[in-house]
């Protein structure tokens, strides 16, 4: 892939993570660990839905390809490639994401995600 979006190649040296709420979802992630934050590049080739959840810290997201619909108590909002949004701490949210979905999410916590370990 020559468009710079082959996450498997670009992020091959980053730790891999799995979607934290439902391990059966077809979502892969590559983790950048900071002292106070975590950033993850998410990738899914097929559409998926995540169950409602919340966390005690904010989450910022930028959609890179595809789209996602985020469902909160205030309603449903669709975000397309190039859009960014902030989910405040403690807000219950679920999402529906398109085929060929890629995003960059920043979690304002140093331990939201866990790296996969090679066995």
PDB file of N, CA and C in Angstrom:
ATOM      1  N   UNK A   1       0.860  -1.176   0.000  1.00  0.00           N
ATOM      2  CA  UNK A   1       0.000   0.000   0.000  1.00  0.00           C
ATOM      3  C   UNK A   1       0.902   1.232   0.000  1.00  0.00           C
ATOM      4  N   UNK A   2       0.734   2.118  -0.921  1.00  0.00           N
ATOM      5  CA  UNK A   2       1.631   3.258  -1.056  1.00  0.00           C
ATOM      6  C   UNK A   2       1.057   4.552  -0.505  1.00  0.00           C
ATOM      7  N   UNK A   3      -0.134   4.532   0.077  1.00  0.00           N
ATOM      8  CA  UNK A   3      -0.743   5.772   0.562  1.00  0.00           C
ATOM      9  C   UNK A   3      -0.369   6.108   2.010  1.00  0.00           C
ATOM     10  N   UNK A   4       0.547   5.360   2.611  1.00  0.00           N
ATOM     11  CA  UNK A   4       0.989   5.678   3.963  1.00  0.00           C
ATOM     12  C   UNK A   4       0.043   5.232   5.058  1.00  0.00           C
ATOM     13  N   UNK A   5      -0.944   4.394   4.731  1.00  0.00           N
ATOM     14  CA  UNK A   5      -1.921   3.972   5.735  1.00  0.00           C
ATOM     15  C   UNK A   5      -1.845   2.484   6.069  1.00  0.00           C
ATOM     16  N   UNK A   6      -0.765   1.833   5.705  1.00  0.00           N
ATOM     17  CA  UNK A   6      -0.588   0.425   6.042  1.00  0.00           C
ATOM     18  C   UNK A   6      -0.076   0.327   7.477  1.00  0.00           C
ATOM     19  N   UNK A   7      -1.003   0.358   8.428  1.00  0.00           N
ATOM     20  CA  UNK A   7      -0.644   0.390   9.843  1.00  0.00           C
ATOM     21  C   UNK A   7       0.220  -0.797  10.245  1.00  0.00           C
ATOM     22  N   UNK A   8      -0.032  -1.981   9.652  1.00  0.00           N
ATOM     23  CA  UNK A   8       0.759  -3.166  10.007  1.00  0.00           C
ATOM     24  C   UNK A   8       2.247  -2.938   9.755  1.00  0.00           C
ATOM     25  N   UNK A   9       2.565  -2.223   8.692  1.00  0.00           N
ATOM     26  CA  UNK A   9       3.964  -1.944   8.360  1.00  0.00           C
ATOM     27  C   UNK A   9       4.475  -0.722   9.104  1.00  0.00           C
ATOM     28  N   UNK A  10       3.722   0.367   9.069  1.00  0.00           N
ATOM     29  CA  UNK A  10       4.162   1.620   9.680  1.00  0.00           C
ATOM     30  C   UNK A  10       4.429   1.448  11.175  1.00  0.00           C
ATOM     31  N   UNK A  11       3.549   0.755  11.863  1.00  0.00           N
ATOM     32  CA  UNK A  11       3.626   0.641  13.320  1.00  0.00           C
ATOM     33  C   UNK A  11       4.124  -0.725  13.781  1.00  0.00           C
ATOM     34  N   UNK A  12       4.824  -1.439  12.904  1.00  0.00           N
ATOM     35  CA  UNK A  12       5.260  -2.805  13.218  1.00  0.00           C
ATOM     36  C   UNK A  12       6.082  -2.890  14.499  1.00  0.00           C
ATOM     37  N   UNK A  13       6.810  -1.846  14.843  1.00  0.00           N
ATOM     38  CA  UNK A  13       7.651  -1.890  16.036  1.00  0.00           C
ATOM     39  C   UNK A  13       6.954  -1.395  17.302  1.00  0.00           C
ATOM     40  N   UNK A  14       5.712  -0.933  17.183  1.00  0.00           N
ATOM     41  CA  UNK A  14       4.963  -0.502  18.370  1.00  0.00           C
ATOM     42  C   UNK A  14       4.288  -1.706  19.020  1.00  0.00           C
ATOM     43  N   UNK A  15       4.087  -1.659  20.347  1.00  0.00           N
ATOM     44  CA  UNK A  15       3.335  -2.731  21.003  1.00  0.00           C
ATOM     45  C   UNK A  15       1.913  -2.802  20.439  1.00  0.00           C
ATOM     46  N   UNK A  16       1.400  -4.009  20.276  1.00  0.00           N
ATOM     47  CA  UNK A  16       0.030  -4.209  19.809  1.00  0.00           C
ATOM     48  C   UNK A  16      -0.898  -4.314  21.010  1.00  0.00           C
ATOM     49  N   UNK A  17      -2.135  -3.828  20.821  1.00  0.00           N
ATOM     50  CA  UNK A  17      -3.167  -3.945  21.842  1.00  0.00           C
ATOM     51  C   UNK A  17      -4.430  -4.486  21.190  1.00  0.00           C
ATOM     52  N   UNK A  18      -5.326  -5.010  21.995  1.00  0.00           N
ATOM     53  CA  UNK A  18      -6.640  -5.440  21.536  1.00  0.00           C
ATOM     54  C   UNK A  18      -7.660  -4.454  22.063  1.00  0.00           C
ATOM     55  N   UNK A  19      -8.787  -4.381  21.371  1.00  0.00           N
ATOM     56  CA  UNK A  19      -9.869  -3.519  21.817  1.00  0.00           C
ATOM     57  C   UNK A  19     -10.183  -3.873  23.260  1.00  0.00           C
ATOM     58  N   UNK A  20     -10.207  -2.905  24.180  1.00  0.00           N
ATOM     59  CA  UNK A  20     -10.248  -3.221  25.608  1.00  0.00           C
ATOM     60  C   UNK A  20     -11.580  -3.738  26.154  1.00  0.00           C
ATOM     61  N   UNK A  21     -12.686  -3.493  25.468  1.00  0.00           N
ATOM     62  CA  UNK A  21     -13.980  -3.831  26.067  1.00  0.00           C
ATOM     63  C   UNK A  21     -14.541  -5.154  25.579  1.00  0.00           C
ATOM     64  N   UNK A  22     -14.220  -5.526  24.368  1.00  0.00           N
ATOM     65  CA  UNK A  22     -14.747  -6.768  23.808  1.00  0.00           C
ATOM     66  C   UNK A  22     -13.654  -7.372  22.942  1.00  0.00           C
ATOM     67  N   UNK A  23     -12.989  -8.370  23.464  1.00  0.00           N
ATOM     68  CA  UNK A  23     -11.844  -8.967  22.774  1.00  0.00           C
ATOM     69  C   UNK A  23     -12.226  -9.659  21.472  1.00  0.00           C
ATOM     70  N   UNK A  24     -13.511  -9.891  21.242  1.00  0.00           N
ATOM     71  CA  UNK A  24     -13.934 -10.561  20.009  1.00  0.00           C
ATOM     72  C   UNK A  24     -14.083  -9.588  18.837  1.00  0.00           C
ATOM     73  N   UNK A  25     -14.040  -8.281  19.102  1.00  0.00           N
ATOM     74  CA  UNK A  25     -14.196  -7.310  18.016  1.00  0.00           C
ATOM     75  C   UNK A  25     -12.995  -7.360  17.074  1.00  0.00           C
ATOM     76  N   UNK A  26     -13.232  -7.104  15.783  1.00  0.00           N
ATOM     77  CA  UNK A  26     -12.161  -7.210  14.777  1.00  0.00           C
ATOM     78  C   UNK A  26     -11.288  -5.957  14.714  1.00  0.00           C
ATOM     79  N   UNK A  27     -10.840  -5.490  15.853  1.00  0.00           N
ATOM     80  CA  UNK A  27     -10.101  -4.235  15.939  1.00  0.00           C
ATOM     81  C   UNK A  27      -8.680  -4.533  16.422  1.00  0.00           C
ATOM     82  N   UNK A  28      -7.714  -3.973  15.714  1.00  0.00           N
ATOM     83  CA  UNK A  28      -6.323  -4.067  16.132  1.00  0.00           C
ATOM     84  C   UNK A  28      -5.839  -2.685  16.495  1.00  0.00           C
ATOM     85  N   UNK A  29      -4.864  -2.610  17.401  1.00  0.00           N
ATOM     86  CA  UNK A  29      -4.335  -1.321  17.796  1.00  0.00           C
ATOM     87  C   UNK A  29      -2.844  -1.379  18.031  1.00  0.00           C
ATOM     88  N   UNK A  30      -2.208  -0.218  17.884  1.00  0.00           N
ATOM     89  CA  UNK A  30      -0.778  -0.063  18.112  1.00  0.00           C
ATOM     90  C   UNK A  30      -0.598   1.060  19.117  1.00  0.00           C
ATOM     91  N   UNK A  31       0.105   0.782  20.197  1.00  0.00           N
ATOM     92  CA  UNK A  31       0.151   1.642  21.378  1.00  0.00           C
ATOM     93  C   UNK A  31       1.403   2.512  21.435  1.00  0.00           C
ATOM     94  N   UNK A  32       1.194   3.778  21.764  1.00  0.00           N
ATOM     95  CA  UNK A  32       2.272   4.691  22.134  1.00  0.00           C
ATOM     96  C   UNK A  32       2.034   5.048  23.595  1.00  0.00           C
ATOM     97  N   UNK A  33       2.975   4.683  24.435  1.00  0.00           N
ATOM     98  CA  UNK A  33       2.837   4.852  25.885  1.00  0.00           C
ATOM     99  C   UNK A  33       3.544   6.113  26.351  1.00  0.00           C
ATOM    100  N   UNK A  34       2.830   6.957  27.083  1.00  0.00           N
ATOM    101  CA  UNK A  34       3.427   8.130  27.698  1.00  0.00           C
ATOM    102  C   UNK A  34       3.360   8.030  29.209  1.00  0.00           C
ATOM    103  N   UNK A  35       3.963   8.993  29.891  1.00  0.00           N
ATOM    104  CA  UNK A  35       3.936   8.993  31.352  1.00  0.00           C
ATOM    105  C   UNK A  35       2.541   9.266  31.899  1.00  0.00           C
ATOM    106  N   UNK A  36       1.758  10.114  31.216  1.00  0.00           N
ATOM    107  CA  UNK A  36       0.433  10.492  31.702  1.00  0.00           C
ATOM    108  C   UNK A  36      -0.692  10.151  30.733  1.00  0.00           C
ATOM    109  N   UNK A  37      -0.358   9.732  29.516  1.00  0.00           N
ATOM    110  CA  UNK A  37      -1.350   9.470  28.469  1.00  0.00           C
ATOM    111  C   UNK A  37      -0.970   8.232  27.687  1.00  0.00           C
ATOM    112  N   UNK A  38      -1.937   7.730  26.945  1.00  0.00           N
ATOM    113  CA  UNK A  38      -1.690   6.688  25.965  1.00  0.00           C
ATOM    114  C   UNK A  38      -2.326   7.118  24.658  1.00  0.00           C
ATOM    115  N   UNK A  39      -1.656   6.822  23.562  1.00  0.00           N
ATOM    116  CA  UNK A  39      -2.226   7.039  22.238  1.00  0.00           C
ATOM    117  C   UNK A  39      -2.253   5.694  21.540  1.00  0.00           C
ATOM    118  N   UNK A  40      -3.313   5.448  20.800  1.00  0.00           N
ATOM    119  CA  UNK A  40      -3.405   4.181  20.076  1.00  0.00           C
ATOM    120  C   UNK A  40      -3.930   4.455  18.677  1.00  0.00           C
ATOM    121  N   UNK A  41      -3.312   3.806  17.712  1.00  0.00           N
ATOM    122  CA  UNK A  41      -3.797   3.810  16.336  1.00  0.00           C
ATOM    123  C   UNK A  41      -4.658   2.563  16.184  1.00  0.00           C
ATOM    124  N   UNK A  42      -5.963   2.752  15.960  1.00  0.00           N
ATOM    125  CA  UNK A  42      -6.913   1.642  15.802  1.00  0.00           C
ATOM    126  C   UNK A  42      -7.105   1.354  14.322  1.00  0.00           C
ATOM    127  N   UNK A  43      -7.343   0.080  13.992  1.00  0.00           N
ATOM    128  CA  UNK A  43      -7.599  -0.337  12.616  1.00  0.00           C
ATOM    129  C   UNK A  43      -8.581  -1.491  12.614  1.00  0.00           C
ATOM    130  N   UNK A  44      -9.635  -1.352  11.799  1.00  0.00           N
ATOM    131  CA  UNK A  44     -10.560  -2.457  11.572  1.00  0.00           C
ATOM    132  C   UNK A  44     -10.907  -2.490  10.087  1.00  0.00           C
ATOM    133  N   UNK A  45     -10.858  -3.671   9.513  1.00  0.00           N
ATOM    134  CA  UNK A  45     -11.193  -3.823   8.097  1.00  0.00           C
ATOM    135  C   UNK A  45     -12.693  -3.961   7.884  1.00  0.00           C
ATOM    136  N   UNK A  46     -13.403  -4.377   8.924  1.00  0.00           N
ATOM    137  CA  UNK A  46     -14.852  -4.585   8.809  1.00  0.00           C
ATOM    138  C   UNK A  46     -15.591  -3.730   9.837  1.00  0.00           C
ATOM    139  N   UNK A  47     -16.825  -3.421   9.546  1.00  0.00           N
ATOM    140  CA  UNK A  47     -17.669  -2.637  10.445  1.00  0.00           C
ATOM    141  C   UNK A  47     -17.833  -3.369  11.777  1.00  0.00           C
ATOM    142  N   UNK A  48     -17.955  -2.606  12.860  1.00  0.00           N
ATOM    143  CA  UNK A  48     -18.162  -3.214  14.171  1.00  0.00           C
ATOM    144  C   UNK A  48     -18.901  -2.238  15.077  1.00  0.00           C
ATOM    145  N   UNK A  49     -19.440  -2.788  16.158  1.00  0.00           N
ATOM    146  CA  UNK A  49     -20.109  -1.988  17.181  1.00  0.00           C
ATOM    147  C   UNK A  49     -19.432  -2.254  18.515  1.00  0.00           C
ATOM    148  N   UNK A  50     -19.184  -1.196  19.274  1.00  0.00           N
ATOM    149  CA  UNK A  50     -18.657  -1.377  20.628  1.00  0.00           C
ATOM    150  C   UNK A  50     -19.791  -1.135  21.618  1.00  0.00           C
ATOM    151  N   UNK A  51     -19.778  -1.901  22.688  1.00  0.00           N
ATOM    152  CA  UNK A  51     -20.805  -1.770  23.715  1.00  0.00           C
ATOM    153  C   UNK A  51     -20.600  -0.495  24.521  1.00  0.00           C
ATOM    154  N   UNK A  52     -21.664  -0.065  25.179  1.00  0.00           N
ATOM    155  CA  UNK A  52     -21.574   1.130  26.020  1.00  0.00           C
ATOM    156  C   UNK A  52     -20.581   0.904  27.154  1.00  0.00           C
ATOM    157  N   UNK A  53     -19.780   1.916  27.396  1.00  0.00           N
ATOM    158  CA  UNK A  53     -18.796   1.893  28.472  1.00  0.00           C
ATOM    159  C   UNK A  53     -18.462   3.342  28.823  1.00  0.00           C
ATOM    160  N   UNK A  54     -17.709   3.529  29.857  1.00  0.00           N
ATOM    161  CA  UNK A  54     -17.210   4.858  30.216  1.00  0.00           C
ATOM    162  C   UNK A  54     -15.878   4.669  30.911  1.00  0.00           C
ATOM    163  N   UNK A  55     -15.153   5.756  31.066  1.00  0.00           N
ATOM    164  CA  UNK A  55     -13.918   5.720  31.829  1.00  0.00           C
ATOM    165  C   UNK A  55     -13.754   7.053  32.555  1.00  0.00           C
ATOM    166  N   UNK A  56     -13.006   7.064  33.648  1.00  0.00           N
ATOM    167  CA  UNK A  56     -12.926   8.256  34.504  1.00  0.00           C
ATOM    168  C   UNK A  56     -11.935   9.321  34.015  1.00  0.00           C
ATOM    169  N   UNK A  57     -11.637   9.322  32.744  1.00  0.00           N
ATOM    170  CA  UNK A  57     -10.723  10.292  32.147  1.00  0.00           C
ATOM    171  C   UNK A  57     -11.195  10.563  30.725  1.00  0.00           C
ATOM    172  N   UNK A  58     -10.839  11.707  30.160  1.00  0.00           N
ATOM    173  CA  UNK A  58     -11.266  12.034  28.800  1.00  0.00           C
ATOM    174  C   UNK A  58     -10.605  11.143  27.745  1.00  0.00           C
ATOM    175  N   UNK A  59     -11.244  11.097  26.589  1.00  0.00           N
ATOM    176  CA  UNK A  59     -10.713  10.410  25.408  1.00  0.00           C
ATOM    177  C   UNK A  59     -10.882  11.349  24.220  1.00  0.00           C
ATOM    178  N   UNK A  60      -9.795  11.567  23.497  1.00  0.00           N
ATOM    179  CA  UNK A  60      -9.821  12.390  22.287  1.00  0.00           C
ATOM    180  C   UNK A  60      -9.599  11.473  21.098  1.00  0.00           C
ATOM    181  N   UNK A  61     -10.334  11.700  20.024  1.00  0.00           N
ATOM    182  CA  UNK A  61     -10.240  10.827  18.860  1.00  0.00           C
ATOM    183  C   UNK A  61     -10.193  11.647  17.580  1.00  0.00           C
ATOM    184  N   UNK A  62      -9.361  11.191  16.631  1.00  0.00           N
ATOM    185  CA  UNK A  62      -9.377  11.724  15.274  1.00  0.00           C
ATOM    186  C   UNK A  62      -9.602  10.554  14.327  1.00  0.00           C
ATOM    187  N   UNK A  63     -10.625  10.665  13.494  1.00  0.00           N
ATOM    188  CA  UNK A  63     -10.929   9.635  12.504  1.00  0.00           C
ATOM    189  C   UNK A  63      -9.991   9.841  11.319  1.00  0.00           C
ATOM    190  N   UNK A  64      -9.294   8.783  10.921  1.00  0.00           N
ATOM    191  CA  UNK A  64      -8.346   8.860   9.814  1.00  0.00           C
ATOM    192  C   UNK A  64      -8.977   8.369   8.516  1.00  0.00           C
ATOM    193  N   UNK A  65      -9.639   7.225   8.560  1.00  0.00           N
ATOM    194  CA  UNK A  65     -10.394   6.728   7.401  1.00  0.00           C
ATOM    195  C   UNK A  65     -11.731   6.197   7.882  1.00  0.00           C
ATOM    196  N   UNK A  66     -12.714   6.180   6.991  1.00  0.00           N
ATOM    197  CA  UNK A  66     -14.043   5.674   7.342  1.00  0.00           C
ATOM    198  C   UNK A  66     -14.807   6.681   8.187  1.00  0.00           C
ATOM    199  N   UNK A  67     -15.668   6.139   9.045  1.00  0.00           N
ATOM    200  CA  UNK A  67     -16.497   6.969   9.923  1.00  0.00           C
ATOM    201  C   UNK A  67     -16.834   6.189  11.180  1.00  0.00           C
ATOM    202  N   UNK A  68     -17.252   6.921  12.184  1.00  0.00           N
ATOM    203  CA  UNK A  68     -17.770   6.305  13.406  1.00  0.00           C
ATOM    204  C   UNK A  68     -18.966   7.114  13.882  1.00  0.00           C
ATOM    205  N   UNK A  69     -19.943   6.428  14.429  1.00  0.00           N
ATOM    206  CA  UNK A  69     -21.075   7.076  15.084  1.00  0.00           C
ATOM    207  C   UNK A  69     -20.932   6.815  16.575  1.00  0.00           C
ATOM    208  N   UNK A  70     -20.869   7.890  17.337  1.00  0.00           N
ATOM    209  CA  UNK A  70     -20.713   7.786  18.786  1.00  0.00           C
ATOM    210  C   UNK A  70     -22.062   8.068  19.424  1.00  0.00           C
ATOM    211  N   UNK A  71     -22.487   7.136  20.277  1.00  0.00           N
ATOM    212  CA  UNK A  71     -23.783   7.247  20.945  1.00  0.00           C
ATOM    213  C   UNK A  71     -23.530   7.569  22.417  1.00  0.00           C
ATOM    214  N   UNK A  72     -24.070   8.702  22.863  1.00  0.00           N
ATOM    215  CA  UNK A  72     -23.977   9.123  24.262  1.00  0.00           C
ATOM    216  C   UNK A  72     -25.404   9.387  24.756  1.00  0.00           C
ATOM    217  N   UNK A  73     -25.589   9.670  26.036  1.00  0.00           N
ATOM    218  CA  UNK A  73     -26.925  10.009  26.527  1.00  0.00           C
ATOM    219  C   UNK A  73     -27.537  11.215  25.799  1.00  0.00           C
ATOM    220  N   UNK A  74     -26.716  12.044  25.188  1.00  0.00           N
ATOM    221  CA  UNK A  74     -27.218  13.214  24.464  1.00  0.00           C
ATOM    222  C   UNK A  74     -27.645  12.894  23.036  1.00  0.00           C
ATOM    223  N   UNK A  75     -27.364  11.684  22.553  1.00  0.00           N
ATOM    224  CA  UNK A  75     -27.753  11.303  21.199  1.00  0.00           C
ATOM    225  C   UNK A  75     -26.606  10.683  20.424  1.00  0.00           C
ATOM    226  N   UNK A  76     -26.791  10.612  19.099  1.00  0.00           N
ATOM    227  CA  UNK A  76     -25.819   9.993  18.212  1.00  0.00           C
ATOM    228  C   UNK A  76     -25.180  11.070  17.339  1.00  0.00           C
ATOM    229  N   UNK A  77     -23.852  11.003  17.220  1.00  0.00           N
ATOM    230  CA  UNK A  77     -23.118  11.950  16.390  1.00  0.00           C
ATOM    231  C   UNK A  77     -22.183  11.171  15.466  1.00  0.00           C
ATOM    232  N   UNK A  78     -22.217  11.486  14.174  1.00  0.00           N
ATOM    233  CA  UNK A  78     -21.359  10.818  13.210  1.00  0.00           C
ATOM    234  C   UNK A  78     -20.117  11.667  12.940  1.00  0.00           C
ATOM    235  N   UNK A  79     -18.963  11.003  12.922  1.00  0.00           N
ATOM    236  CA  UNK A  79     -17.687  11.643  12.632  1.00  0.00           C
ATOM    237  C   UNK A  79     -17.051  10.929  11.440  1.00  0.00           C
ATOM    238  N   UNK A  80     -16.618  11.707  10.459  1.00  0.00           N
ATOM    239  CA  UNK A  80     -16.014  11.186   9.236  1.00  0.00           C
ATOM    240  C   UNK A  80     -14.515  11.418   9.240  1.00  0.00           C
ATOM    241  N   UNK A  81     -13.831  10.824   8.266  1.00  0.00           N
ATOM    242  CA  UNK A  81     -12.381  11.002   8.145  1.00  0.00           C
ATOM    243  C   UNK A  81     -12.034  12.487   8.212  1.00  0.00           C
ATOM    244  N   UNK A  82     -11.072  12.813   9.063  1.00  0.00           N
ATOM    245  CA  UNK A  82     -10.651  14.195   9.253  1.00  0.00           C
ATOM    246  C   UNK A  82     -11.296  14.870  10.444  1.00  0.00           C
ATOM    247  N   UNK A  83     -12.371  14.302  10.969  1.00  0.00           N
ATOM    248  CA  UNK A  83     -13.048  14.872  12.135  1.00  0.00           C
ATOM    249  C   UNK A  83     -12.350  14.432  13.423  1.00  0.00           C
ATOM    250  N   UNK A  84     -12.400  15.285  14.418  1.00  0.00           N
ATOM    251  CA  UNK A  84     -11.880  14.967  15.749  1.00  0.00           C
ATOM    252  C   UNK A  84     -12.938  15.333  16.778  1.00  0.00           C
ATOM    253  N   UNK A  85     -12.925  14.620  17.901  1.00  0.00           N
ATOM    254  CA  UNK A  85     -13.887  14.897  18.957  1.00  0.00           C
ATOM    255  C   UNK A  85     -13.298  14.508  20.305  1.00  0.00           C
ATOM    256  N   UNK A  86     -13.884  15.062  21.362  1.00  0.00           N
ATOM    257  CA  UNK A  86     -13.468  14.790  22.727  1.00  0.00           C
ATOM    258  C   UNK A  86     -14.641  14.213  23.500  1.00  0.00           C
ATOM    259  N   UNK A  87     -14.406  13.084  24.160  1.00  0.00           N
ATOM    260  CA  UNK A  87     -15.391  12.508  25.076  1.00  0.00           C
ATOM    261  C   UNK A  87     -14.952  12.856  26.495  1.00  0.00           C
ATOM    262  N   UNK A  88     -15.743  13.637  27.220  1.00  0.00           N
ATOM    263  CA  UNK A  88     -15.366  13.994  28.594  1.00  0.00           C
ATOM    264  C   UNK A  88     -15.329  12.774  29.515  1.00  0.00           C
ATOM    265  N   UNK A  89     -14.631  12.896  30.600  1.00  0.00           N
ATOM    266  CA  UNK A  89     -14.542  11.833  31.601  1.00  0.00           C
ATOM    267  C   UNK A  89     -15.928  11.453  32.102  1.00  0.00           C
ATOM    268  N   UNK A  90     -16.150  10.151  32.281  1.00  0.00           N
ATOM    269  CA  UNK A  90     -17.372   9.645  32.882  1.00  0.00           C
ATOM    270  C   UNK A  90     -18.591   9.575  31.984  1.00  0.00           C
ATOM    271  N   UNK A  91     -18.499   9.985  30.729  1.00  0.00           N
ATOM    272  CA  UNK A  91     -19.651   9.972  29.821  1.00  0.00           C
ATOM    273  C   UNK A  91     -19.829   8.568  29.235  1.00  0.00           C
ATOM    274  N   UNK A  92     -20.970   7.918  29.472  1.00  0.00           N
ATOM    275  CA  UNK A  92     -21.206   6.617  28.835  1.00  0.00           C
ATOM    276  C   UNK A  92     -21.266   6.803  27.320  1.00  0.00           C
ATOM    277  N   UNK A  93     -20.612   5.900  26.593  1.00  0.00           N
ATOM    278  CA  UNK A  93     -20.614   5.983  25.138  1.00  0.00           C
ATOM    279  C   UNK A  93     -20.443   4.606  24.519  1.00  0.00           C
ATOM    280  N   UNK A  94     -21.024   4.459  23.344  1.00  0.00           N
ATOM    281  CA  UNK A  94     -20.881   3.278  22.501  1.00  0.00           C
ATOM    282  C   UNK A  94     -20.575   3.806  21.113  1.00  0.00           C
ATOM    283  N   UNK A  95     -20.224   2.909  20.184  1.00  0.00           N
ATOM    284  CA  UNK A  95     -19.945   3.380  18.836  1.00  0.00           C
ATOM    285  C   UNK A  95     -20.247   2.315  17.803  1.00  0.00           C
ATOM    286  N   UNK A  96     -20.476   2.791  16.594  1.00  0.00           N
ATOM    287  CA  UNK A  96     -20.605   1.953  15.406  1.00  0.00           C
ATOM    288  C   UNK A  96     -19.590   2.515  14.426  1.00  0.00           C
ATOM    289  N   UNK A  97     -18.718   1.665  13.903  1.00  0.00           N
ATOM    290  CA  UNK A  97     -17.681   2.136  12.993  1.00  0.00           C
ATOM    291  C   UNK A  97     -17.773   1.414  11.658  1.00  0.00           C
ATOM    292  N   UNK A  98     -17.332   2.097  10.611  1.00  0.00           N
ATOM    293  CA  UNK A  98     -17.442   1.606   9.241  1.00  0.00           C
ATOM    294  C   UNK A  98     -16.375   0.568   8.911  1.00  0.00           C
ATOM    295  N   UNK A  99     -16.545  -0.046   7.745  1.00  0.00           N
ATOM    296  CA  UNK A  99     -15.475  -0.843   7.157  1.00  0.00           C
ATOM    297  C   UNK A  99     -14.273   0.075   6.955  1.00  0.00           C
ATOM    298  N   UNK A 100     -13.088  -0.490   6.946  1.00  0.00           N
ATOM    299  CA  UNK A 100     -11.851   0.247   6.705  1.00  0.00           C
ATOM    300  C   UNK A 100     -11.747   1.474   7.606  1.00  0.00           C
ATOM    301  N   UNK A 101     -11.955   1.246   8.897  1.00  0.00           N
ATOM    302  CA  UNK A 101     -11.902   2.317   9.890  1.00  0.00           C
ATOM    303  C   UNK A 101     -10.509   2.396  10.497  1.00  0.00           C
ATOM    304  N   UNK A 102      -9.973   3.594  10.538  1.00  0.00           N
ATOM    305  CA  UNK A 102      -8.709   3.868  11.223  1.00  0.00           C
ATOM    306  C   UNK A 102      -8.900   5.137  12.041  1.00  0.00           C
ATOM    307  N   UNK A 103      -8.303   5.149  13.234  1.00  0.00           N
ATOM    308  CA  UNK A 103      -8.381   6.352  14.062  1.00  0.00           C
ATOM    309  C   UNK A 103      -7.146   6.449  14.938  1.00  0.00           C
ATOM    310  N   UNK A 104      -6.957   7.626  15.480  1.00  0.00           N
ATOM    311  CA  UNK A 104      -5.965   7.872  16.513  1.00  0.00           C
ATOM    312  C   UNK A 104      -6.738   8.319  17.738  1.00  0.00           C
ATOM    313  N   UNK A 105      -6.627   7.571  18.821  1.00  0.00           N
ATOM    314  CA  UNK A 105      -7.293   7.907  20.076  1.00  0.00           C
ATOM    315  C   UNK A 105      -6.238   8.207  21.136  1.00  0.00           C
ATOM    316  N   UNK A 106      -6.479   9.244  21.907  1.00  0.00           N
ATOM    317  CA  UNK A 106      -5.620   9.582  23.034  1.00  0.00           C
ATOM    318  C   UNK A 106      -6.454   9.437  24.298  1.00  0.00           C
ATOM    319  N   UNK A 107      -5.970   8.603  25.209  1.00  0.00           N
ATOM    320  CA  UNK A 107      -6.615   8.400  26.502  1.00  0.00           C
ATOM    321  C   UNK A 107      -5.800   9.160  27.540  1.00  0.00           C
ATOM    322  N   UNK A 108      -6.459  10.001  28.325  1.00  0.00           N
ATOM    323  CA  UNK A 108      -5.784  10.832  29.310  1.00  0.00           C
ATOM    324  C   UNK A 108      -5.570  10.046  30.595  1.00  0.00           C
ATOM    325  N   UNK A 109      -4.918   8.911  30.427  1.00  0.00           N
ATOM    326  CA  UNK A 109      -4.566   7.991  31.500  1.00  0.00           C
ATOM    327  C   UNK A 109      -3.357   7.193  31.019  1.00  0.00           C
ATOM    328  N   UNK A 110      -2.425   6.871  31.897  1.00  0.00           N
ATOM    329  CA  UNK A 110      -1.272   6.088  31.458  1.00  0.00           C
ATOM    330  C   UNK A 110      -1.514   4.583  31.434  1.00  0.00           C
ATOM    331  N   UNK A 111      -2.695   4.129  31.869  1.00  0.00           N
ATOM    332  CA  UNK A 111      -2.899   2.678  31.949  1.00  0.00           C
ATOM    333  C   UNK A 111      -4.287   2.229  31.506  1.00  0.00           C
ATOM    334  N   UNK A 112      -4.873   2.895  30.520  1.00  0.00           N
ATOM    335  CA  UNK A 112      -6.157   2.458  29.973  1.00  0.00           C
ATOM    336  C   UNK A 112      -5.994   1.155  29.199  1.00  0.00           C
ATOM    337  N   UNK A 113      -4.935   1.055  28.418  1.00  0.00           N
ATOM    338  CA  UNK A 113      -4.721  -0.090  27.540  1.00  0.00           C
ATOM    339  C   UNK A 113      -3.546  -0.926  28.022  1.00  0.00           C
ATOM    340  N   UNK A 114      -3.562  -2.179  27.629  1.00  0.00           N
ATOM    341  CA  UNK A 114      -2.465  -3.090  27.955  1.00  0.00           C
ATOM    342  C   UNK A 114      -1.884  -3.613  26.647  1.00  0.00           C
ATOM    343  N   UNK A 115      -0.587  -3.678  26.572  1.00  0.00           N
ATOM    344  CA  UNK A 115       0.079  -4.252  25.408  1.00  0.00           C
ATOM    345  C   UNK A 115      -0.130  -5.751  25.392  1.00  0.00           C
ATOM    346  N   UNK A 116      -0.274  -6.326  24.194  1.00  0.00           N
ATOM    347  CA  UNK A 116      -0.330  -7.779  24.058  1.00  0.00           C
ATOM    348  C   UNK A 116       1.070  -8.329  24.314  1.00  0.00           C
ATOM    349  N   UNK A 117       1.122  -9.501  24.891  1.00  0.00           N
ATOM    350  CA  UNK A 117       2.412 -10.140  25.145  1.00  0.00           C
ATOM    351  C   UNK A 117       2.562 -11.311  24.210  1.00  0.00           C
ATOM    352  N   UNK A 118       3.734 -11.481  23.641  1.00  0.00           N
ATOM    353  CA  UNK A 118       4.018 -12.638  22.784  1.00  0.00           C
ATOM    354  C   UNK A 118       4.199 -13.851  23.668  1.00  0.00           C
ATOM    355  N   UNK A 119       3.495 -14.912  23.347  1.00  0.00           N
ATOM    356  CA  UNK A 119       3.638 -16.154  24.124  1.00  0.00           C
ATOM    357  C   UNK A 119       4.372 -17.203  23.330  1.00  0.00           C
TER     358      UNK A 119
END
